[in-house]
């Protein structure tokens, strides 16, 4: 590990890995650090991503794809089902996938250091100039022209650099997920159970992982969590009711922000990507694609800034503007509005919506398509939902 680089990437998830590869491909010197001793663990993700979204960044490979699905079923509070044909989705093996992304970054020339933590930013006035690095009990100073913070929902680095990264409790989803084996499932179908009685302020999912195996998980509103009503409690009740024969082989737990993105994701010498920038989808909690998209865009902005000799906030704000104006940015705004509207409903209202949509034709799952279908059958929600 040297004492200076063009780009320092903090965090070895998909956003950080894509950022490191993108910058290294352009000839910049890049150091990526990951605080955990291994890439890809622990898994804190439902592992679903659209195949088209995946292949925008990496060729699909059976080594890191556990299953491919072609349909999705939404299940309402009373069990009403709406089955949608979906664009192909992939259920990943994140332990393998994340490592593959890191290997791609290393092949491009990025230096990778695991079990290595950014203890605090190096500041010169308001400018971030690198980080104090802790590795194997030793501290060292690593300077960088641009730091890309890709350190997840904790976003410790951005917070230390003076960015307000606070997420209100009402806008955090606490999550739990089991890998469940020996269950009867359709291996080509994703299932989404939407009932605030079963999943307060969130939903439950069943994503196939292969032969008689699935990720079964839940996200609930942080403020709804309490004694006997924590995410795992709710999940246990769902498993007992729907998959009592299942054999649980793994448990993961975590949290995801379902708030608006940070008000600023660029500062002097700093860019913030993925979950650290609050770019997970506020409605679904999905964030793999958004992390990779923002990671690539941040790296492209860093490359231009370094080559032009200007890494000021003014120069780096091009990143912030670009992602907000992108399809991803517009989708995030729409998802937030829909989430807020849904939280004002109860199970009785949700059931009525499901009944009204049973004969709807929806080509594939997207927030916009669902909004159009709901408004077509339920025009009374026009004031609650964003324009389709």
Foldseek 3Di string as FASTA:
>chain_A
DDQEWAEEEEALFLLSLLLLQLLLLLPTAYEYEAQAQAWQPPDADQQKDAPVLVVVRPDDDPVFFLAKAQKEWEAAPVGQIAIAGAHIMTRTSRRVVSVVSNVSSVVSPYHYYYSKHFPEFDDDPLATFFGFMAHPNDTGHHGHQAYEYEHAQVLVHVVRSPFPSDADLQFKWKKKKFKWADFDDDRRYKYWYDACVLANLWIWIWHHRYDRITITMGIHRRVQDDVCRHRVSSSVVVCCVPPVVIDTDDMDIDMAGLDQFGPAQFARRYGYFWRSRNLQANHHRDTSSRSSVLSSLQSVLSSVCVVVVHRGRVSSCVSVVVCCPDPSNVLSVQSSLVSVLVSVDHSVVRVVLSVQQNPPHQNHDGSQSVVVSSCVRPVVCPVRHDHD
